[in-house]
Amino acid sequence: MTLRHMNQIDLSRRWGISHRTLERWRSLGTGPAYIKIGGRVAYRLEDIERYEASNLHSGSMPPASSQSQGAAA
């Protein structure tokens, strides 16, 4: 099994956010799981993907016309 890791710069580029945001999330105890070895922070790809999946939102809403029909019925 090959593990792949990303540093905070790679992850910040993947998500289009500042690496400082990832630093803040770590200090607050939020964000994806990470490992720290010898002062270096790394994120395992499996943890990144798990975090992405847990934050997936559908965004599907019924069309406005069906909402107004439902309210009238």
PDB file of N, CA and C in Angstrom:
ATOM      1  N   MET A   1       0.851  -1.183   0.000  1.00  0.00           N
ATOM      2  CA  MET A   1       0.000   0.000   0.000  1.00  0.00           C
ATOM      3  C   MET A   1       0.892   1.240   0.000  1.00  0.00           C
ATOM      4  N   THR A   2       0.647   2.109  -0.934  1.00  0.00           N
ATOM      5  CA  THR A   2       1.427   3.337  -1.030  1.00  0.00           C
ATOM      6  C   THR A   2       0.653   4.473  -0.388  1.00  0.00           C
ATOM      7  N   LEU A   3       1.239   5.084   0.605  1.00  0.00           N
ATOM      8  CA  LEU A   3       0.625   6.252   1.229  1.00  0.00           C
ATOM      9  C   LEU A   3       1.122   7.498   0.528  1.00  0.00           C
ATOM     10  N   ARG A   4       0.245   8.410   0.304  1.00  0.00           N
ATOM     11  CA  ARG A   4       0.628   9.669  -0.296  1.00  0.00           C
ATOM     12  C   ARG A   4       0.323  10.769   0.705  1.00  0.00           C
ATOM     13  N   HIS A   5       1.248  11.686   0.811  1.00  0.00           N
ATOM     14  CA  HIS A   5       1.090  12.796   1.746  1.00  0.00           C
ATOM     15  C   HIS A   5       1.172  14.116   1.003  1.00  0.00           C
ATOM     16  N   MET A   6       0.564  15.128   1.587  1.00  0.00           N
ATOM     17  CA  MET A   6       0.656  16.479   1.060  1.00  0.00           C
ATOM     18  C   MET A   6       1.087  17.390   2.197  1.00  0.00           C
ATOM     19  N   ASN A   7       1.904  18.383   1.893  1.00  0.00           N
ATOM     20  CA  ASN A   7       2.208  19.387   2.910  1.00  0.00           C
ATOM     21  C   ASN A   7       1.126  20.472   2.859  1.00  0.00           C
ATOM     22  N   GLN A   8       1.207  21.429   3.758  1.00  0.00           N
ATOM     23  CA  GLN A   8       0.131  22.420   3.824  1.00  0.00           C
ATOM     24  C   GLN A   8       0.083  23.320   2.594  1.00  0.00           C
ATOM     25  N   ILE A   9       1.204  23.536   1.935  1.00  0.00           N
ATOM     26  CA  ILE A   9       1.202  24.346   0.716  1.00  0.00           C
ATOM     27  C   ILE A   9       0.460  23.600  -0.393  1.00  0.00           C
ATOM     28  N   ASP A  10       0.766  22.306  -0.549  1.00  0.00           N
ATOM     29  CA  ASP A  10       0.073  21.503  -1.565  1.00  0.00           C
ATOM     30  C   ASP A  10      -1.430  21.461  -1.309  1.00  0.00           C
ATOM     31  N   LEU A  11      -1.811  21.250  -0.054  1.00  0.00           N
ATOM     32  CA  LEU A  11      -3.230  21.172   0.282  1.00  0.00           C
ATOM     33  C   LEU A  11      -3.914  22.527   0.103  1.00  0.00           C
ATOM     34  N   SER A  12      -3.244  23.602   0.471  1.00  0.00           N
ATOM     35  CA  SER A  12      -3.852  24.923   0.297  1.00  0.00           C
ATOM     36  C   SER A  12      -4.074  25.221  -1.190  1.00  0.00           C
ATOM     37  N   ARG A  13      -3.183  24.762  -2.043  1.00  0.00           N
ATOM     38  CA  ARG A  13      -3.363  24.932  -3.497  1.00  0.00           C
ATOM     39  C   ARG A  13      -4.517  24.065  -4.008  1.00  0.00           C
ATOM     40  N   ARG A  14      -4.607  22.842  -3.484  1.00  0.00           N
ATOM     41  CA  ARG A  14      -5.692  21.936  -3.897  1.00  0.00           C
ATOM     42  C   ARG A  14      -7.050  22.561  -3.606  1.00  0.00           C
ATOM     43  N   TRP A  15      -7.171  23.187  -2.438  1.00  0.00           N
ATOM     44  CA  TRP A  15      -8.450  23.748  -2.023  1.00  0.00           C
ATOM     45  C   TRP A  15      -8.608  25.231  -2.345  1.00  0.00           C
ATOM     46  N   GLY A  16      -7.556  25.881  -2.804  1.00  0.00           N
ATOM     47  CA  GLY A  16      -7.644  27.301  -3.127  1.00  0.00           C
ATOM     48  C   GLY A  16      -7.810  28.181  -1.897  1.00  0.00           C
ATOM     49  N   ILE A  17      -7.159  27.790  -0.809  1.00  0.00           N
ATOM     50  CA  ILE A  17      -7.205  28.571   0.426  1.00  0.00           C
ATOM     51  C   ILE A  17      -5.781  28.908   0.846  1.00  0.00           C
ATOM     52  N   SER A  18      -5.653  29.801   1.794  1.00  0.00           N
ATOM     53  CA  SER A  18      -4.338  30.172   2.308  1.00  0.00           C
ATOM     54  C   SER A  18      -3.785  29.066   3.201  1.00  0.00           C
ATOM     55  N   HIS A  19      -2.466  28.889   3.155  1.00  0.00           N
ATOM     56  CA  HIS A  19      -1.856  27.912   4.071  1.00  0.00           C
ATOM     57  C   HIS A  19      -2.035  28.365   5.515  1.00  0.00           C
ATOM     58  N   ARG A  20      -2.228  29.649   5.719  1.00  0.00           N
ATOM     59  CA  ARG A  20      -2.484  30.169   7.077  1.00  0.00           C
ATOM     60  C   ARG A  20      -3.827  29.668   7.607  1.00  0.00           C
ATOM     61  N   THR A  21      -4.781  29.469   6.709  1.00  0.00           N
ATOM     62  CA  THR A  21      -6.071  28.912   7.127  1.00  0.00           C
ATOM     63  C   THR A  21      -5.874  27.520   7.701  1.00  0.00           C
ATOM     64  N   LEU A  22      -5.053  26.708   7.037  1.00  0.00           N
ATOM     65  CA  LEU A  22      -4.768  25.365   7.551  1.00  0.00           C
ATOM     66  C   LEU A  22      -4.062  25.437   8.899  1.00  0.00           C
ATOM     67  N   GLU A  23      -3.147  26.380   9.056  1.00  0.00           N
ATOM     68  CA  GLU A  23      -2.472  26.558  10.352  1.00  0.00           C
ATOM     69  C   GLU A  23      -3.473  26.931  11.429  1.00  0.00           C
ATOM     70  N   ARG A  24      -4.406  27.824  11.098  1.00  0.00           N
ATOM     71  CA  ARG A  24      -5.418  28.242  12.074  1.00  0.00           C
ATOM     72  C   ARG A  24      -6.319  27.066  12.425  1.00  0.00           C
ATOM     73  N   TRP A  25      -6.732  26.294  11.426  1.00  0.00           N
ATOM     74  CA  TRP A  25      -7.572  25.134  11.690  1.00  0.00           C
ATOM     75  C   TRP A  25      -6.877  24.155  12.619  1.00  0.00           C
ATOM     76  N   ARG A  26      -5.582  23.937  12.418  1.00  0.00           N
ATOM     77  CA  ARG A  26      -4.849  23.017  13.304  1.00  0.00           C
ATOM     78  C   ARG A  26      -4.847  23.541  14.736  1.00  0.00           C
ATOM     79  N   SER A  27      -4.648  24.846  14.897  1.00  0.00           N
ATOM     80  CA  SER A  27      -4.607  25.408  16.252  1.00  0.00           C
ATOM     81  C   SER A  27      -5.980  25.344  16.925  1.00  0.00           C
ATOM     82  N   LEU A  28      -7.040  25.367  16.115  1.00  0.00           N
ATOM     83  CA  LEU A  28      -8.402  25.298  16.655  1.00  0.00           C
ATOM     84  C   LEU A  28      -8.899  23.859  16.794  1.00  0.00           C
ATOM     85  N   GLY A  29      -8.134  22.910  16.252  1.00  0.00           N
ATOM     86  CA  GLY A  29      -8.548  21.515  16.323  1.00  0.00           C
ATOM     87  C   GLY A  29      -9.594  21.152  15.293  1.00  0.00           C
ATOM     88  N   THR A  30      -9.682  21.927  14.218  1.00  0.00           N
ATOM     89  CA  THR A  30     -10.626  21.626  13.146  1.00  0.00           C
ATOM     90  C   THR A  30      -9.844  21.258  11.892  1.00  0.00           C
ATOM     91  N   GLY A  31     -10.550  21.009  10.809  1.00  0.00           N
ATOM     92  CA  GLY A  31      -9.879  20.666   9.561  1.00  0.00           C
ATOM     93  C   GLY A  31      -9.525  19.194   9.514  1.00  0.00           C
ATOM     94  N   PRO A  32      -8.827  18.801   8.464  1.00  0.00           N
ATOM     95  CA  PRO A  32      -8.489  17.389   8.301  1.00  0.00           C
ATOM     96  C   PRO A  32      -7.420  16.938   9.300  1.00  0.00           C
ATOM     97  N   ALA A  33      -7.408  15.641   9.553  1.00  0.00           N
ATOM     98  CA  ALA A  33      -6.368  15.063  10.417  1.00  0.00           C
ATOM     99  C   ALA A  33      -5.008  15.274   9.767  1.00  0.00           C
ATOM    100  N   TYR A  34      -3.988  15.397  10.598  1.00  0.00           N
ATOM    101  CA  TYR A  34      -2.634  15.596  10.082  1.00  0.00           C
ATOM    102  C   TYR A  34      -1.650  14.851  10.957  1.00  0.00           C
ATOM    103  N   ILE A  35      -0.447  14.673  10.419  1.00  0.00           N
ATOM    104  CA  ILE A  35       0.627  14.086  11.212  1.00  0.00           C
ATOM    105  C   ILE A  35       1.746  15.110  11.310  1.00  0.00           C
ATOM    106  N   LYS A  36       2.477  15.042  12.390  1.00  0.00           N
ATOM    107  CA  LYS A  36       3.584  15.966  12.598  1.00  0.00           C
ATOM    108  C   LYS A  36       4.797  15.149  13.010  1.00  0.00           C
ATOM    109  N   ILE A  37       5.827  15.196  12.181  1.00  0.00           N
ATOM    110  CA  ILE A  37       7.049  14.448  12.447  1.00  0.00           C
ATOM    111  C   ILE A  37       8.225  15.407  12.298  1.00  0.00           C
ATOM    112  N   GLY A  38       8.998  15.522  13.343  1.00  0.00           N
ATOM    113  CA  GLY A  38      10.174  16.384  13.286  1.00  0.00           C
ATOM    114  C   GLY A  38       9.850  17.828  12.965  1.00  0.00           C
ATOM    115  N   GLY A  39       8.726  18.304  13.431  1.00  0.00           N
ATOM    116  CA  GLY A  39       8.340  19.697  13.186  1.00  0.00           C
ATOM    117  C   GLY A  39       7.665  19.933  11.843  1.00  0.00           C
ATOM    118  N   ARG A  40       7.554  18.903  11.032  1.00  0.00           N
ATOM    119  CA  ARG A  40       6.900  19.040   9.723  1.00  0.00           C
ATOM    120  C   ARG A  40       5.482  18.489   9.792  1.00  0.00           C
ATOM    121  N   VAL A  41       4.579  19.199   9.160  1.00  0.00           N
ATOM    122  CA  VAL A  41       3.182  18.795   9.113  1.00  0.00           C
ATOM    123  C   VAL A  41       2.909  18.168   7.751  1.00  0.00           C
ATOM    124  N   ALA A  42       2.210  17.056   7.774  1.00  0.00           N
ATOM    125  CA  ALA A  42       1.804  16.394   6.536  1.00  0.00           C
ATOM    126  C   ALA A  42       0.369  15.912   6.685  1.00  0.00           C
ATOM    127  N   TYR A  43      -0.323  15.886   5.569  1.00  0.00           N
ATOM    128  CA  TYR A  43      -1.696  15.399   5.517  1.00  0.00           C
ATOM    129  C   TYR A  43      -1.711  14.153   4.637  1.00  0.00           C
ATOM    130  N   ARG A  44      -2.276  13.068   5.157  1.00  0.00           N
ATOM    131  CA  ARG A  44      -2.400  11.856   4.361  1.00  0.00           C
ATOM    132  C   ARG A  44      -3.542  12.035   3.365  1.00  0.00           C
ATOM    133  N   LEU A  45      -3.356  11.565   2.158  1.00  0.00           N
ATOM    134  CA  LEU A  45      -4.375  11.709   1.121  1.00  0.00           C
ATOM    135  C   LEU A  45      -5.699  11.095   1.561  1.00  0.00           C
ATOM    136  N   GLU A  46      -5.646   9.961   2.241  1.00  0.00           N
ATOM    137  CA  GLU A  46      -6.887   9.323   2.689  1.00  0.00           C
ATOM    138  C   GLU A  46      -7.632  10.204   3.698  1.00  0.00           C
ATOM    139  N   ASP A  47      -6.906  10.938   4.545  1.00  0.00           N
ATOM    140  CA  ASP A  47      -7.557  11.842   5.495  1.00  0.00           C
ATOM    141  C   ASP A  47      -8.137  13.061   4.792  1.00  0.00           C
ATOM    142  N   ILE A  48      -7.431  13.554   3.782  1.00  0.00           N
ATOM    143  CA  ILE A  48      -7.931  14.687   2.995  1.00  0.00           C
ATOM    144  C   ILE A  48      -9.236  14.298   2.307  1.00  0.00           C
ATOM    145  N   GLU A  49      -9.234  13.143   1.659  1.00  0.00           N
ATOM    146  CA  GLU A  49     -10.427  12.692   0.949  1.00  0.00           C
ATOM    147  C   GLU A  49     -11.579  12.415   1.899  1.00  0.00           C
ATOM    148  N   ARG A  50     -11.290  11.884   3.072  1.00  0.00           N
ATOM    149  CA  ARG A  50     -12.332  11.649   4.090  1.00  0.00           C
ATOM    150  C   ARG A  50     -12.934  12.975   4.539  1.00  0.00           C
ATOM    151  N   TYR A  51     -12.077  13.974   4.759  1.00  0.00           N
ATOM    152  CA  TYR A  51     -12.561  15.293   5.181  1.00  0.00           C
ATOM    153  C   TYR A  51     -13.415  15.921   4.079  1.00  0.00           C
ATOM    154  N   GLU A  52     -12.965  15.794   2.833  1.00  0.00           N
ATOM    155  CA  GLU A  52     -13.743  16.335   1.717  1.00  0.00           C
ATOM    156  C   GLU A  52     -15.112  15.662   1.640  1.00  0.00           C
ATOM    157  N   ALA A  53     -15.142  14.344   1.780  1.00  0.00           N
ATOM    158  CA  ALA A  53     -16.405  13.604   1.717  1.00  0.00           C
ATOM    159  C   ALA A  53     -17.343  13.989   2.865  1.00  0.00           C
ATOM    160  N   SER A  54     -16.783  14.228   4.041  1.00  0.00           N
ATOM    161  CA  SER A  54     -17.624  14.582   5.190  1.00  0.00           C
ATOM    162  C   SER A  54     -18.172  16.002   5.079  1.00  0.00           C
ATOM    163  N   ASN A  55     -17.605  16.800   4.183  1.00  0.00           N
ATOM    164  CA  ASN A  55     -18.067  18.172   3.986  1.00  0.00           C
ATOM    165  C   ASN A  55     -18.776  18.364   2.652  1.00  0.00           C
ATOM    166  N   LEU A  56     -19.182  17.257   2.035  1.00  0.00           N
ATOM    167  CA  LEU A  56     -19.870  17.302   0.763  1.00  0.00           C
ATOM    168  C   LEU A  56     -21.326  17.688   0.994  1.00  0.00           C
ATOM    169  N   HIS A  57     -21.776  18.685   0.257  1.00  0.00           N
ATOM    170  CA  HIS A  57     -23.166  19.143   0.357  1.00  0.00           C
ATOM    171  C   HIS A  57     -23.814  19.032  -1.012  1.00  0.00           C
ATOM    172  N   SER A  58     -25.022  18.555  -1.031  1.00  0.00           N
ATOM    173  CA  SER A  58     -25.727  18.334  -2.281  1.00  0.00           C
ATOM    174  C   SER A  58     -26.142  19.654  -2.917  1.00  0.00           C
ATOM    175  N   GLY A  59     -26.730  20.528  -2.146  1.00  0.00           N
ATOM    176  CA  GLY A  59     -27.186  21.811  -2.679  1.00  0.00           C
ATOM    177  C   GLY A  59     -28.439  21.686  -3.513  1.00  0.00           C
ATOM    178  N   SER A  60     -29.040  20.507  -3.530  1.00  0.00           N
ATOM    179  CA  SER A  60     -30.243  20.347  -4.353  1.00  0.00           C
ATOM    180  C   SER A  60     -31.463  20.823  -3.576  1.00  0.00           C
ATOM    181  N   MET A  61     -32.179  21.693  -4.204  1.00  0.00           N
ATOM    182  CA  MET A  61     -33.417  22.222  -3.645  1.00  0.00           C
ATOM    183  C   MET A  61     -34.500  22.028  -4.696  1.00  0.00           C
ATOM    184  N   PRO A  62     -35.740  21.833  -4.279  1.00  0.00           N
ATOM    185  CA  PRO A  62     -36.808  21.740  -5.267  1.00  0.00           C
ATOM    186  C   PRO A  62     -36.926  23.061  -6.029  1.00  0.00           C
ATOM    187  N   PRO A  63     -37.343  23.016  -7.291  1.00  0.00           N
ATOM    188  CA  PRO A  63     -37.520  24.261  -8.052  1.00  0.00           C
ATOM    189  C   PRO A  63     -38.514  25.182  -7.356  1.00  0.00           C
ATOM    190  N   ALA A  64     -38.368  26.475  -7.545  1.00  0.00           N
ATOM    191  CA  ALA A  64     -39.220  27.464  -6.884  1.00  0.00           C
ATOM    192  C   ALA A  64     -40.691  27.234  -7.229  1.00  0.00           C
ATOM    193  N   SER A  65     -40.998  26.811  -8.449  1.00  0.00           N
ATOM    194  CA  SER A  65     -42.381  26.602  -8.849  1.00  0.00           C
ATOM    195  C   SER A  65     -43.037  25.477  -8.046  1.00  0.00           C
ATOM    196  N   SER A  66     -42.290  24.404  -7.758  1.00  0.00           N
ATOM    197  CA  SER A  66     -42.873  23.312  -6.993  1.00  0.00           C
ATOM    198  C   SER A  66     -43.001  23.680  -5.523  1.00  0.00           C
ATOM    199  N   GLN A  67     -42.132  24.575  -5.037  1.00  0.00           N
ATOM    200  CA  GLN A  67     -42.270  25.037  -3.656  1.00  0.00           C
ATOM    201  C   GLN A  67     -43.541  25.844  -3.503  1.00  0.00           C
ATOM    202  N   SER A  68     -43.822  26.741  -4.454  1.00  0.00           N
ATOM    203  CA  SER A  68     -45.026  27.566  -4.328  1.00  0.00           C
ATOM    204  C   SER A  68     -46.279  26.722  -4.518  1.00  0.00           C
ATOM    205  N   GLN A  69     -46.227  25.677  -5.365  1.00  0.00           N
ATOM    206  CA  GLN A  69     -47.383  24.802  -5.550  1.00  0.00           C
ATOM    207  C   GLN A  69     -47.648  24.018  -4.274  1.00  0.00           C
ATOM    208  N   GLY A  70     -46.570  23.590  -3.618  1.00  0.00           N
ATOM    209  CA  GLY A  70     -46.730  22.818  -2.384  1.00  0.00           C
ATOM    210  C   GLY A  70     -47.337  23.663  -1.278  1.00  0.00           C
ATOM    211  N   ALA A  71     -47.001  24.945  -1.257  1.00  0.00           N
ATOM    212  CA  ALA A  71     -47.538  25.835  -0.233  1.00  0.00           C
ATOM    213  C   ALA A  71     -49.001  26.113  -0.455  1.00  0.00           C
ATOM    214  N   ALA A  72     -49.433  26.124  -1.723  1.00  0.00           N
ATOM    215  CA  ALA A  72     -50.832  26.424  -2.042  1.00  0.00           C
ATOM    216  C   ALA A  72     -51.734  25.212  -1.816  1.00  0.00           C
ATOM    217  N   ALA A  73     -51.177  24.023  -1.856  1.00  0.00           N
ATOM    218  CA  ALA A  73     -51.984  22.825  -1.761  1.00  0.00           C
ATOM    219  C   ALA A  73     -52.420  22.495  -0.392  1.00  0.00           C
TER     220      ALA A  73
END
